Protein backbone atom coordinates (compact mmCIF):
# COMPACT_ATOMS: atom_id res chain seq x y z
CA MET A 1 -4.06 -31.61 5.37
CA SER A 2 -4.94 -30.23 8.85
CA MET A 3 -2.06 -32.49 10.34
CA VAL A 4 0.53 -30.84 7.68
CA LEU A 5 -0.91 -27.39 8.88
CA ALA A 6 -0.42 -28.44 12.41
CA ILE A 7 3.19 -29.62 11.71
CA LEU A 8 3.65 -26.31 9.55
CA GLY A 9 2.39 -24.23 12.57
CA THR A 10 4.71 -25.82 15.06
CA THR A 11 7.88 -25.41 12.50
CA ILE A 12 6.90 -21.79 12.04
CA GLY A 13 6.67 -20.80 15.68
CA CYS A 14 4.90 -17.47 16.28
CA GLU A 15 4.15 -16.53 12.70
CA GLN A 16 0.93 -17.13 11.26
CA THR A 17 0.53 -20.68 9.72
CA PRO A 18 0.41 -20.64 6.04
CA GLU A 19 -2.92 -21.73 4.31
CA THR A 20 -1.35 -21.94 0.93
CA VAL A 21 1.88 -22.34 -0.82
CA ALA A 22 2.03 -18.70 -1.74
CA ASP A 23 1.64 -17.91 2.07
CA CYS A 24 5.05 -19.70 2.39
CA VAL A 25 6.79 -16.94 0.53
CA LYS A 26 5.93 -14.63 3.56
CA LEU A 27 8.07 -16.49 5.65
CA THR A 28 11.32 -14.66 6.56
CA ASP A 29 13.39 -17.72 7.47
CA ALA A 30 14.53 -19.69 4.33
CA VAL A 31 14.72 -22.92 5.99
CA GLU A 32 11.18 -22.35 7.30
CA GLN A 33 10.06 -21.46 3.87
CA GLU A 34 11.62 -24.45 2.38
CA ASN A 35 10.01 -26.58 4.96
CA CYS A 36 6.61 -25.06 4.41
CA TYR A 37 6.67 -25.94 0.66
CA PHE A 38 7.59 -29.44 1.60
CA GLY A 39 4.69 -29.59 4.10
CA PHE A 40 2.36 -28.71 1.35
CA ALA A 41 4.10 -31.24 -1.19
CA GLN A 42 3.70 -33.90 1.26
CA ALA A 43 0.03 -33.42 1.80
CA ALA A 44 -0.61 -33.46 -2.01
CA VAL A 45 1.97 -36.50 -2.51
CA GLN A 46 -0.95 -39.07 -3.12
CA ASP A 47 -2.30 -37.03 -6.08
CA ARG A 48 0.21 -36.55 -8.92
CA ALA A 49 -1.65 -33.45 -10.69
CA ALA A 50 -2.05 -32.06 -7.20
CA LEU A 51 1.77 -32.33 -6.43
CA GLN A 52 2.85 -30.97 -9.76
CA GLN A 53 0.36 -28.02 -9.03
CA THR A 54 1.92 -27.45 -5.56
CA ILE A 55 5.46 -27.48 -7.03
CA GLN A 56 4.46 -24.94 -9.89
CA ALA A 57 2.96 -22.65 -7.25
CA ILE A 58 6.54 -21.94 -5.91
CA PRO A 59 7.75 -18.83 -7.13
CA SER A 60 11.65 -19.80 -7.08
CA ALA A 61 13.10 -22.38 -9.53
CA THR A 62 15.72 -23.13 -6.97
CA SER A 63 13.14 -23.92 -4.27
CA ARG A 64 11.20 -26.05 -6.87
CA ASP A 65 14.38 -27.86 -7.80
CA LEU A 66 15.09 -28.39 -3.86
CA LEU A 67 11.64 -29.82 -3.40
CA ARG A 68 11.88 -32.17 -6.30
CA LEU A 69 15.28 -33.37 -4.99
CA ARG A 70 13.71 -34.01 -1.37
CA MET A 71 10.69 -35.67 -2.70
CA ALA A 72 12.94 -37.98 -4.81
CA VAL A 73 15.51 -38.72 -2.05
CA GLN A 74 12.28 -39.65 0.32
CA ASP A 75 10.99 -42.14 -2.14
CA PRO A 76 13.09 -42.60 -5.31
CA VAL A 77 11.10 -45.47 -6.60
CA ARG A 78 7.73 -43.61 -6.26
CA LEU A 79 8.63 -40.10 -6.92
CA GLY A 80 11.50 -40.36 -9.15
CA TRP A 81 9.34 -38.92 -11.93
CA LEU A 82 9.74 -35.56 -10.48
CA CYS A 83 13.50 -35.50 -11.71
CA LYS A 84 12.04 -34.92 -15.33
CA ASN A 85 10.90 -31.54 -14.28
CA VAL A 86 13.99 -30.26 -12.43
CA GLU A 87 15.14 -26.97 -14.04
CA GLY A 88 18.76 -26.59 -13.04
CA THR A 89 21.65 -28.70 -14.49
CA ASP A 90 23.41 -29.56 -11.40
CA ALA A 91 19.82 -30.46 -9.62
CA GLN A 92 19.23 -32.62 -12.58
CA THR A 93 22.27 -34.55 -12.39
CA ARG A 94 21.91 -34.97 -8.69
CA CYS A 95 18.31 -36.02 -9.00
CA SER A 96 19.44 -38.25 -12.09
CA ASN A 97 21.69 -40.24 -9.42
CA ILE A 98 19.23 -40.37 -6.72
CA VAL A 99 16.71 -42.26 -9.35
CA ARG A 100 19.40 -44.44 -10.80
CA ARG A 101 20.96 -45.52 -7.38
CA PRO A 102 18.03 -45.63 -4.91
CA HIS A 103 20.10 -48.49 -3.09
CA LEU A 104 22.56 -45.85 -1.79
CA LEU A 105 19.97 -44.16 0.04
CA LYS A 106 18.93 -47.16 2.19
CA PRO A 107 20.68 -47.61 5.58
CA PRO A 108 22.88 -50.80 5.55
CA PRO A 109 21.35 -54.08 7.00
CA GLY A 110 21.65 -53.92 10.98
CA ALA A 111 22.10 -50.09 11.01
CA ARG A 112 19.67 -47.99 13.04
């Protein structure tokens, strides 16, 4: 967790390092805010219940869906279950496509 907070600290710059998901809301830059949520989710990825709790702590449905999509793209086989909880119709479609076609996310052989 301290590694995630260190990464969040360097991402956020001069602003105070968030200690909870709720602190991410205080960030003024939208990209930093989404990256903050992602950092907390990464820290909880090994514990399904903790990951679900982290996602539910995000106040915006759009941000929750974006996080679920990002996590599913990162590891569609292991984290595809997140797509079942996507709230928006468009996000649901995209997430389902990721889970059904994870091979499209892999670089072709020999690519760097």
